[in-house]
PDB file of N, CA and C in Angstrom:
ATOM      1  N   MET A   1     128.357 130.059 229.637  1.00  0.00           N
ATOM      2  CA  MET A   1     129.180 130.407 230.771  1.00  0.00           C
ATOM      3  C   MET A   1     129.661 129.171 231.503  1.00  0.00           C
ATOM      4  N   SER A   2     129.629 128.035 230.879  1.00  0.00           N
ATOM      5  CA  SER A   2     130.015 126.793 231.533  1.00  0.00           C
ATOM      6  C   SER A   2     131.525 126.697 231.744  1.00  0.00           C
ATOM      7  N   ASP A   3     132.318 127.542 231.068  1.00  0.00           N
ATOM      8  CA  ASP A   3     133.765 127.478 231.212  1.00  0.00           C
ATOM      9  C   ASP A   3     134.286 128.369 232.343  1.00  0.00           C
ATOM     10  N   ILE A   4     133.404 128.821 233.215  1.00  0.00           N
ATOM     11  CA  ILE A   4     133.795 129.665 234.330  1.00  0.00           C
ATOM     12  C   ILE A   4     134.095 128.781 235.541  1.00  0.00           C
ATOM     13  N   SER A   5     135.271 128.980 236.112  1.00  0.00           N
ATOM     14  CA  SER A   5     135.670 128.184 237.274  1.00  0.00           C
ATOM     15  C   SER A   5     135.014 128.725 238.547  1.00  0.00           C
ATOM     16  N   ASN A   6     135.146 127.968 239.629  1.00  0.00           N
ATOM     17  CA  ASN A   6     134.613 128.409 240.915  1.00  0.00           C
ATOM     18  C   ASN A   6     135.278 129.698 241.372  1.00  0.00           C
ATOM     19  N   SER A   7     136.591 129.820 241.137  1.00  0.00           N
ATOM     20  CA  SER A   7     137.280 131.055 241.536  1.00  0.00           C
ATOM     21  C   SER A   7     136.789 132.236 240.696  1.00  0.00           C
ATOM     22  N   ASP A   8     136.501 131.998 239.400  1.00  0.00           N
ATOM     23  CA  ASP A   8     135.926 133.049 238.560  1.00  0.00           C
ATOM     24  C   ASP A   8     134.549 133.457 239.074  1.00  0.00           C
ATOM     25  N   ASN A   9     133.750 132.485 239.492  1.00  0.00           N
ATOM     26  CA  ASN A   9     132.430 132.790 240.040  1.00  0.00           C
ATOM     27  C   ASN A   9     132.533 133.693 241.257  1.00  0.00           C
ATOM     28  N   ALA A  10     133.506 133.427 242.121  1.00  0.00           N
ATOM     29  CA  ALA A  10     133.706 134.256 243.309  1.00  0.00           C
ATOM     30  C   ALA A  10     134.108 135.675 242.908  1.00  0.00           C
ATOM     31  N   ILE A  11     134.958 135.789 241.907  1.00  0.00           N
ATOM     32  CA  ILE A  11     135.391 137.106 241.429  1.00  0.00           C
ATOM     33  C   ILE A  11     134.221 137.848 240.785  1.00  0.00           C
ATOM     34  N   LEU A  12     133.433 137.145 239.972  1.00  0.00           N
ATOM     35  CA  LEU A  12     132.276 137.777 239.337  1.00  0.00           C
ATOM     36  C   LEU A  12     131.271 138.241 240.383  1.00  0.00           C
ATOM     37  N   ARG A  13     131.111 137.479 241.433  1.00  0.00           N
ATOM     38  CA  ARG A  13     130.210 137.867 242.523  1.00  0.00           C
ATOM     39  C   ARG A  13     130.728 139.132 243.205  1.00  0.00           C
ATOM     40  N   ARG A  14     132.034 139.185 243.428  1.00  0.00           N
ATOM     41  CA  ARG A  14     132.635 140.385 244.039  1.00  0.00           C
ATOM     42  C   ARG A  14     132.413 141.605 243.152  1.00  0.00           C
ATOM     43  N   ILE A  15     132.645 141.442 241.855  1.00  0.00           N
ATOM     44  CA  ILE A  15     132.428 142.548 240.918  1.00  0.00           C
ATOM     45  C   ILE A  15     130.971 142.985 240.966  1.00  0.00           C
ATOM     46  N   SER A  16     130.074 142.022 240.960  1.00  0.00           N
ATOM     47  CA  SER A  16     128.643 142.310 241.016  1.00  0.00           C
ATOM     48  C   SER A  16     128.287 143.125 242.259  1.00  0.00           C
ATOM     49  N   ILE A  17     128.879 142.784 243.384  1.00  0.00           N
ATOM     50  CA  ILE A  17     128.631 143.520 244.625  1.00  0.00           C
ATOM     51  C   ILE A  17     129.175 144.936 244.518  1.00  0.00           C
ATOM     52  N   GLU A  18     130.387 145.083 244.006  1.00  0.00           N
ATOM     53  CA  GLU A  18     131.019 146.401 243.901  1.00  0.00           C
ATOM     54  C   GLU A  18     130.262 147.347 242.970  1.00  0.00           C
ATOM     55  N   ILE A  19     129.647 146.791 241.924  1.00  0.00           N
ATOM     56  CA  ILE A  19     128.925 147.656 240.986  1.00  0.00           C
ATOM     57  C   ILE A  19     127.448 147.786 241.350  1.00  0.00           C
ATOM     58  N   ARG A  20     127.076 147.271 242.517  1.00  0.00           N
ATOM     59  CA  ARG A  20     125.734 147.425 243.076  1.00  0.00           C
ATOM     60  C   ARG A  20     124.646 146.821 242.193  1.00  0.00           C
ATOM     61  N   GLU A  21     124.910 145.624 241.679  1.00  0.00           N
ATOM     62  CA  GLU A  21     123.952 144.961 240.780  1.00  0.00           C
ATOM     63  C   GLU A  21     122.638 144.617 241.461  1.00  0.00           C
ATOM     64  N   GLU A  22     122.674 144.278 242.738  1.00  0.00           N
ATOM     65  CA  GLU A  22     121.420 143.927 243.422  1.00  0.00           C
ATOM     66  C   GLU A  22     120.515 145.140 243.560  1.00  0.00           C
ATOM     67  N   GLN A  23     121.117 146.318 243.823  1.00  0.00           N
ATOM     68  CA  GLN A  23     120.336 147.530 244.013  1.00  0.00           C
ATOM     69  C   GLN A  23     119.887 148.146 242.683  1.00  0.00           C
ATOM     70  N   ALA A  24     120.730 148.024 241.671  1.00  0.00           N
ATOM     71  CA  ALA A  24     120.429 148.625 240.368  1.00  0.00           C
ATOM     72  C   ALA A  24     120.866 147.672 239.264  1.00  0.00           C
ATOM     73  N   PRO A  25     120.057 146.644 238.974  1.00  0.00           N
ATOM     74  CA  PRO A  25     120.433 145.644 237.962  1.00  0.00           C
ATOM     75  C   PRO A  25     120.632 146.269 236.585  1.00  0.00           C
ATOM     76  N   TYR A  26     121.701 145.854 235.925  1.00  0.00           N
ATOM     77  CA  TYR A  26     122.009 146.386 234.592  1.00  0.00           C
ATOM     78  C   TYR A  26     122.677 145.325 233.726  1.00  0.00           C
ATOM     79  N   PHE A  27     123.565 144.526 234.325  1.00  0.00           N
ATOM     80  CA  PHE A  27     124.349 143.533 233.595  1.00  0.00           C
ATOM     81  C   PHE A  27     123.975 142.114 234.003  1.00  0.00           C
ATOM     82  N   SER A  28     124.044 141.202 233.053  1.00  0.00           N
ATOM     83  CA  SER A  28     123.925 139.783 233.384  1.00  0.00           C
ATOM     84  C   SER A  28     125.309 139.291 233.810  1.00  0.00           C
ATOM     85  N   MET A  29     125.374 138.115 234.406  1.00  0.00           N
ATOM     86  CA  MET A  29     126.670 137.539 234.770  1.00  0.00           C
ATOM     87  C   MET A  29     127.517 137.287 233.530  1.00  0.00           C
ATOM     88  N   GLU A  30     126.872 136.962 232.421  1.00  0.00           N
ATOM     89  CA  GLU A  30     127.604 136.775 231.168  1.00  0.00           C
ATOM     90  C   GLU A  30     128.247 138.084 230.726  1.00  0.00           C
ATOM     91  N   ASP A  31     127.518 139.202 230.888  1.00  0.00           N
ATOM     92  CA  ASP A  31     128.080 140.517 230.552  1.00  0.00           C
ATOM     93  C   ASP A  31     129.281 140.827 231.435  1.00  0.00           C
ATOM     94  N   ILE A  32     129.126 140.582 232.728  1.00  0.00           N
ATOM     95  CA  ILE A  32     130.218 140.860 233.663  1.00  0.00           C
ATOM     96  C   ILE A  32     131.432 140.018 233.304  1.00  0.00           C
ATOM     97  N   PHE A  33     131.224 138.743 232.982  1.00  0.00           N
ATOM     98  CA  PHE A  33     132.336 137.878 232.595  1.00  0.00           C
ATOM     99  C   PHE A  33     132.995 138.386 231.310  1.00  0.00           C
ATOM    100  N   TYR A  34     132.201 138.836 230.350  1.00  0.00           N
ATOM    101  CA  TYR A  34     132.746 139.394 229.108  1.00  0.00           C
ATOM    102  C   TYR A  34     133.694 140.556 229.406  1.00  0.00           C
ATOM    103  N   TYR A  35     133.252 141.502 230.230  1.00  0.00           N
ATOM    104  CA  TYR A  35     134.086 142.665 230.534  1.00  0.00           C
ATOM    105  C   TYR A  35     135.291 142.284 231.393  1.00  0.00           C
ATOM    106  N   TYR A  36     135.153 141.282 232.229  1.00  0.00           N
ATOM    107  CA  TYR A  36     136.279 140.769 233.013  1.00  0.00           C
ATOM    108  C   TYR A  36     137.353 140.208 232.078  1.00  0.00           C
ATOM    109  N   GLU A  37     136.940 139.422 231.107  1.00  0.00           N
ATOM    110  CA  GLU A  37     137.882 138.891 230.115  1.00  0.00           C
ATOM    111  C   GLU A  37     138.456 140.020 229.252  1.00  0.00           C
ATOM    112  N   LYS A  38     137.610 140.942 228.839  1.00  0.00           N
ATOM    113  CA  LYS A  38     138.038 142.075 228.002  1.00  0.00           C
ATOM    114  C   LYS A  38     139.121 142.904 228.700  1.00  0.00           C
ATOM    115  N   ASN A  39     139.020 143.011 230.019  1.00  0.00           N
ATOM    116  CA  ASN A  39     139.986 143.769 230.804  1.00  0.00           C
ATOM    117  C   ASN A  39     141.110 142.893 231.338  1.00  0.00           C
ATOM    118  N   ASN A  40     141.380 141.790 230.647  1.00  0.00           N
ATOM    119  CA  ASN A  40     142.480 140.878 230.985  1.00  0.00           C
ATOM    120  C   ASN A  40     142.429 140.413 232.439  1.00  0.00           C
ATOM    121  N   ARG A  41     141.195 140.141 232.894  1.00  0.00           N
ATOM    122  CA  ARG A  41     140.950 139.622 234.241  1.00  0.00           C
ATOM    123  C   ARG A  41     141.437 140.571 235.336  1.00  0.00           C
ATOM    124  N   ASP A  42     141.474 141.835 235.037  1.00  0.00           N
ATOM    125  CA  ASP A  42     141.813 142.870 236.017  1.00  0.00           C
ATOM    126  C   ASP A  42     140.514 143.310 236.689  1.00  0.00           C
ATOM    127  N   ILE A  43     140.360 142.981 237.955  1.00  0.00           N
ATOM    128  CA  ILE A  43     139.111 143.245 238.665  1.00  0.00           C
ATOM    129  C   ILE A  43     138.809 144.738 238.720  1.00  0.00           C
ATOM    130  N   ASN A  44     139.785 145.553 239.111  1.00  0.00           N
ATOM    131  CA  ASN A  44     139.549 146.987 239.239  1.00  0.00           C
ATOM    132  C   ASN A  44     139.206 147.635 237.899  1.00  0.00           C
ATOM    133  N   ALA A  45     139.897 147.243 236.838  1.00  0.00           N
ATOM    134  CA  ALA A  45     139.603 147.799 235.510  1.00  0.00           C
ATOM    135  C   ALA A  45     138.198 147.398 235.068  1.00  0.00           C
ATOM    136  N   THR A  46     137.804 146.172 235.395  1.00  0.00           N
ATOM    137  CA  THR A  46     136.462 145.698 235.051  1.00  0.00           C
ATOM    138  C   THR A  46     135.404 146.482 235.806  1.00  0.00           C
ATOM    139  N   ILE A  47     135.607 146.652 237.101  1.00  0.00           N
ATOM    140  CA  ILE A  47     134.651 147.412 237.905  1.00  0.00           C
ATOM    141  C   ILE A  47     134.539 148.833 237.379  1.00  0.00           C
ATOM    142  N   TYR A  48     135.667 149.454 237.081  1.00  0.00           N
ATOM    143  CA  TYR A  48     135.664 150.830 236.569  1.00  0.00           C
ATOM    144  C   TYR A  48     134.853 150.927 235.277  1.00  0.00           C
ATOM    145  N   GLU A  49     135.127 150.041 234.324  1.00  0.00           N
ATOM    146  CA  GLU A  49     134.419 150.099 233.044  1.00  0.00           C
ATOM    147  C   GLU A  49     132.922 149.864 233.215  1.00  0.00           C
ATOM    148  N   LEU A  50     132.558 148.885 234.021  1.00  0.00           N
ATOM    149  CA  LEU A  50     131.135 148.592 234.225  1.00  0.00           C
ATOM    150  C   LEU A  50     130.415 149.759 234.897  1.00  0.00           C
ATOM    151  N   LEU A  51     131.062 150.405 235.857  1.00  0.00           N
ATOM    152  CA  LEU A  51     130.429 151.551 236.517  1.00  0.00           C
ATOM    153  C   LEU A  51     130.295 152.736 235.567  1.00  0.00           C
ATOM    154  N   ILE A  52     131.270 152.931 234.694  1.00  0.00           N
ATOM    155  CA  ILE A  52     131.161 154.000 233.695  1.00  0.00           C
ATOM    156  C   ILE A  52     129.982 153.701 232.768  1.00  0.00           C
ATOM    157  N   LEU A  53     129.870 152.470 232.314  1.00  0.00           N
ATOM    158  CA  LEU A  53     128.746 152.098 231.455  1.00  0.00           C
ATOM    159  C   LEU A  53     127.419 152.278 232.183  1.00  0.00           C
ATOM    160  N   LYS A  54     127.409 151.940 233.458  1.00  0.00           N
ATOM    161  CA  LYS A  54     126.197 152.027 234.253  1.00  0.00           C
ATOM    162  C   LYS A  54     125.813 153.478 234.564  1.00  0.00           C
ATOM    163  N   SER A  55     126.745 154.398 234.370  1.00  0.00           N
ATOM    164  CA  SER A  55     126.495 155.792 234.723  1.00  0.00           C
ATOM    165  C   SER A  55     125.745 156.565 233.648  1.00  0.00           C
ATOM    166  N   GLU A  56     125.325 155.883 232.598  1.00  0.00           N
ATOM    167  CA  GLU A  56     124.530 156.567 231.582  1.00  0.00           C
ATOM    168  C   GLU A  56     123.321 157.195 232.252  1.00  0.00           C
ATOM    169  N   ASP A  57     122.838 158.279 231.692  1.00  0.00           N
ATOM    170  CA  ASP A  57     121.667 158.958 232.254  1.00  0.00           C
ATOM    171  C   ASP A  57     120.530 157.950 232.354  1.00  0.00           C
ATOM    172  N   SER A  58     120.107 157.703 233.575  1.00  0.00           N
ATOM    173  CA  SER A  58     119.118 156.660 233.788  1.00  0.00           C
ATOM    174  C   SER A  58     117.775 157.196 234.269  1.00  0.00           C
ATOM    175  N   SER A  59     117.559 158.493 234.095  1.00  0.00           N
ATOM    176  CA  SER A  59     116.264 159.027 234.517  1.00  0.00           C
ATOM    177  C   SER A  59     115.201 158.665 233.488  1.00  0.00           C
ATOM    178  N   ILE A  60     113.994 158.468 233.973  1.00  0.00           N
ATOM    179  CA  ILE A  60     112.868 158.100 233.124  1.00  0.00           C
ATOM    180  C   ILE A  60     111.699 159.014 233.460  1.00  0.00           C
ATOM    181  N   THR A  61     111.031 159.511 232.435  1.00  0.00           N
ATOM    182  CA  THR A  61     109.838 160.322 232.657  1.00  0.00           C
ATOM    183  C   THR A  61     108.699 159.743 231.848  1.00  0.00           C
ATOM    184  N   LEU A  62     107.604 159.401 232.541  1.00  0.00           N
ATOM    185  CA  LEU A  62     106.413 158.863 231.904  1.00  0.00           C
ATOM    186  C   LEU A  62     105.186 159.563 232.477  1.00  0.00           C
ATOM    187  N   SER A  63     104.453 160.249 231.662  1.00  0.00           N
ATOM    188  CA  SER A  63     103.195 160.892 232.074  1.00  0.00           C
ATOM    189  C   SER A  63     103.316 161.648 233.402  1.00  0.00           C
ATOM    190  N   GLY A  64     104.343 162.458 233.520  1.00  0.00           N
ATOM    191  CA  GLY A  64     104.520 163.258 234.718  1.00  0.00           C
ATOM    192  C   GLY A  64     105.236 162.566 235.862  1.00  0.00           C
ATOM    193  N   LEU A  65     105.425 161.269 235.761  1.00  0.00           N
ATOM    194  CA  LEU A  65     106.153 160.520 236.780  1.00  0.00           C
ATOM    195  C   LEU A  65     107.600 160.401 236.330  1.00  0.00           C
ATOM    196  N   SER A  66     108.534 160.762 237.197  1.00  0.00           N
ATOM    197  CA  SER A  66     109.934 160.658 236.804  1.00  0.00           C
ATOM    198  C   SER A  66     110.752 159.984 237.891  1.00  0.00           C
ATOM    199  N   THR A  67     111.831 159.349 237.467  1.00  0.00           N
ATOM    200  CA  THR A  67     112.751 158.718 238.415  1.00  0.00           C
ATOM    201  C   THR A  67     114.025 159.545 238.465  1.00  0.00           C
ATOM    202  N   GLN A  68     114.746 159.417 239.545  1.00  0.00           N
ATOM    203  CA  GLN A  68     115.969 160.183 239.729  1.00  0.00           C
ATOM    204  C   GLN A  68     117.087 159.628 238.856  1.00  0.00           C
ATOM    205  N   ASP A  69     117.903 160.543 238.322  1.00  0.00           N
ATOM    206  CA  ASP A  69     119.073 160.161 237.538  1.00  0.00           C
ATOM    207  C   ASP A  69     120.159 159.661 238.492  1.00  0.00           C
ATOM    208  N   THR A  70     120.676 158.467 238.246  1.00  0.00           N
ATOM    209  CA  THR A  70     121.691 157.881 239.118  1.00  0.00           C
ATOM    210  C   THR A  70     123.094 157.957 238.527  1.00  0.00           C
ATOM    211  N   SER A  71     123.259 158.660 237.401  1.00  0.00           N
ATOM    212  CA  SER A  71     124.550 158.665 236.721  1.00  0.00           C
ATOM    213  C   SER A  71     125.672 159.201 237.605  1.00  0.00           C
ATOM    214  N   SER A  72     125.438 160.281 238.351  1.00  0.00           N
ATOM    215  CA  SER A  72     126.507 160.838 239.182  1.00  0.00           C
ATOM    216  C   SER A  72     126.905 159.875 240.295  1.00  0.00           C
ATOM    217  N   TYR A  73     125.963 159.112 240.805  1.00  0.00           N
ATOM    218  CA  TYR A  73     126.270 158.114 241.831  1.00  0.00           C
ATOM    219  C   TYR A  73     127.258 157.083 241.298  1.00  0.00           C
ATOM    220  N   PHE A  74     126.978 156.541 240.109  1.00  0.00           N
ATOM    221  CA  PHE A  74     127.864 155.520 239.545  1.00  0.00           C
ATOM    222  C   PHE A  74     129.198 156.109 239.109  1.00  0.00           C
ATOM    223  N   LEU A  75     129.225 157.375 238.687  1.00  0.00           N
ATOM    224  CA  LEU A  75     130.502 158.026 238.361  1.00  0.00           C
ATOM    225  C   LEU A  75     131.350 158.198 239.619  1.00  0.00           C
ATOM    226  N   ARG A  76     130.718 158.536 240.738  1.00  0.00           N
ATOM    227  CA  ARG A  76     131.469 158.644 242.002  1.00  0.00           C
ATOM    228  C   ARG A  76     132.042 157.286 242.396  1.00  0.00           C
ATOM    229  N   LEU A  77     131.254 156.232 242.239  1.00  0.00           N
ATOM    230  CA  LEU A  77     131.772 154.892 242.544  1.00  0.00           C
ATOM    231  C   LEU A  77     132.931 154.544 241.609  1.00  0.00           C
ATOM    232  N   ALA A  78     132.795 154.865 240.338  1.00  0.00           N
ATOM    233  CA  ALA A  78     133.838 154.549 239.358  1.00  0.00           C
ATOM    234  C   ALA A  78     135.138 155.271 239.686  1.00  0.00           C
ATOM    235  N   SER A  79     135.055 156.480 240.222  1.00  0.00           N
ATOM    236  CA  SER A  79     136.272 157.249 240.516  1.00  0.00           C
ATOM    237  C   SER A  79     137.169 156.523 241.523  1.00  0.00           C
ATOM    238  N   ARG A  80     136.593 155.654 242.330  1.00  0.00           N
ATOM    239  CA  ARG A  80     137.395 154.869 243.275  1.00  0.00           C
ATOM    240  C   ARG A  80     138.297 153.862 242.565  1.00  0.00           C
ATOM    241  N   TYR A  81     137.953 153.497 241.347  1.00  0.00           N
ATOM    242  CA  TYR A  81     138.690 152.465 240.614  1.00  0.00           C
ATOM    243  C   TYR A  81     139.479 153.008 239.430  1.00  0.00           C
ATOM    244  N   LYS A  82     139.466 154.329 239.258  1.00  0.00           N
ATOM    245  CA  LYS A  82     140.165 154.934 238.126  1.00  0.00           C
ATOM    246  C   LYS A  82     141.668 154.817 238.317  1.00  0.00           C
ATOM    247  N   ARG A  83     142.333 154.472 237.242  1.00  0.00           N
ATOM    248  CA  ARG A  83     143.782 154.371 237.266  1.00  0.00           C
ATOM    249  C   ARG A  83     144.381 155.718 236.891  1.00  0.00           C
ATOM    250  N   PHE A  84     145.452 156.050 237.552  1.00  0.00           N
ATOM    251  CA  PHE A  84     146.165 157.283 237.241  1.00  0.00           C
ATOM    252  C   PHE A  84     147.561 156.919 236.771  1.00  0.00           C
ATOM    253  N   ASN A  85     148.036 157.615 235.766  1.00  0.00           N
ATOM    254  CA  ASN A  85     149.391 157.367 235.270  1.00  0.00           C
ATOM    255  C   ASN A  85     150.372 157.963 236.267  1.00  0.00           C
ATOM    256  N   THR A  86     151.152 157.117 236.902  1.00  0.00           N
ATOM    257  CA  THR A  86     152.107 157.573 237.897  1.00  0.00           C
ATOM    258  C   THR A  86     153.532 157.235 237.497  1.00  0.00           C
ATOM    259  N   GLY A  87     153.736 156.869 236.240  1.00  0.00           N
ATOM    260  CA  GLY A  87     155.052 156.521 235.772  1.00  0.00           C
ATOM    261  C   GLY A  87     155.925 157.765 235.569  1.00  0.00           C
ATOM    262  N   VAL A  88     157.189 157.550 235.382  1.00  0.00           N
ATOM    263  CA  VAL A  88     158.141 158.634 235.168  1.00  0.00           C
ATOM    264  C   VAL A  88     158.430 158.721 233.684  1.00  0.00           C
ATOM    265  N   LEU A  89     158.303 159.937 233.161  1.00  0.00           N
ATOM    266  CA  LEU A  89     158.640 160.166 231.748  1.00  0.00           C
ATOM    267  C   LEU A  89     160.092 160.575 231.641  1.00  0.00           C
ATOM    268  N   THR A  90     160.788 159.959 230.694  1.00  0.00           N
ATOM    269  CA  THR A  90     162.196 160.315 230.505  1.00  0.00           C
ATOM    270  C   THR A  90     162.316 161.285 229.342  1.00  0.00           C
ATOM    271  N   GLY A  91     163.206 162.219 229.497  1.00  0.00           N
ATOM    272  CA  GLY A  91     163.423 163.222 228.442  1.00  0.00           C
ATOM    273  C   GLY A  91     164.412 162.723 227.409  1.00  0.00           C
ATOM    274  N   GLY A  92     164.440 163.392 226.292  1.00  0.00           N
ATOM    275  CA  GLY A  92     165.309 162.914 225.213  1.00  0.00           C
ATOM    276  C   GLY A  92     166.458 163.768 224.918  1.00  0.00           C
TER     277      GLY A  92
END
């Protein structure tokens, strides 16, 4: 990750905050940078994809102890960044 500029670091930090990495760690900074590049450096598209990935069923059950599933929480967050097609279709 040595080829990341200071401005990229600031953007990656913003993405990390938006996807709630401190509260629910899931991705490394290298992972976040990968998805940022994959989404052509589009911050909103990156946040959306990471939140969708993070929304996998995350409940755990061990010997009667279970944790709450957080998938719906991350899907609600992702809906804020979903793109909608608002273009005009022309007829033929």
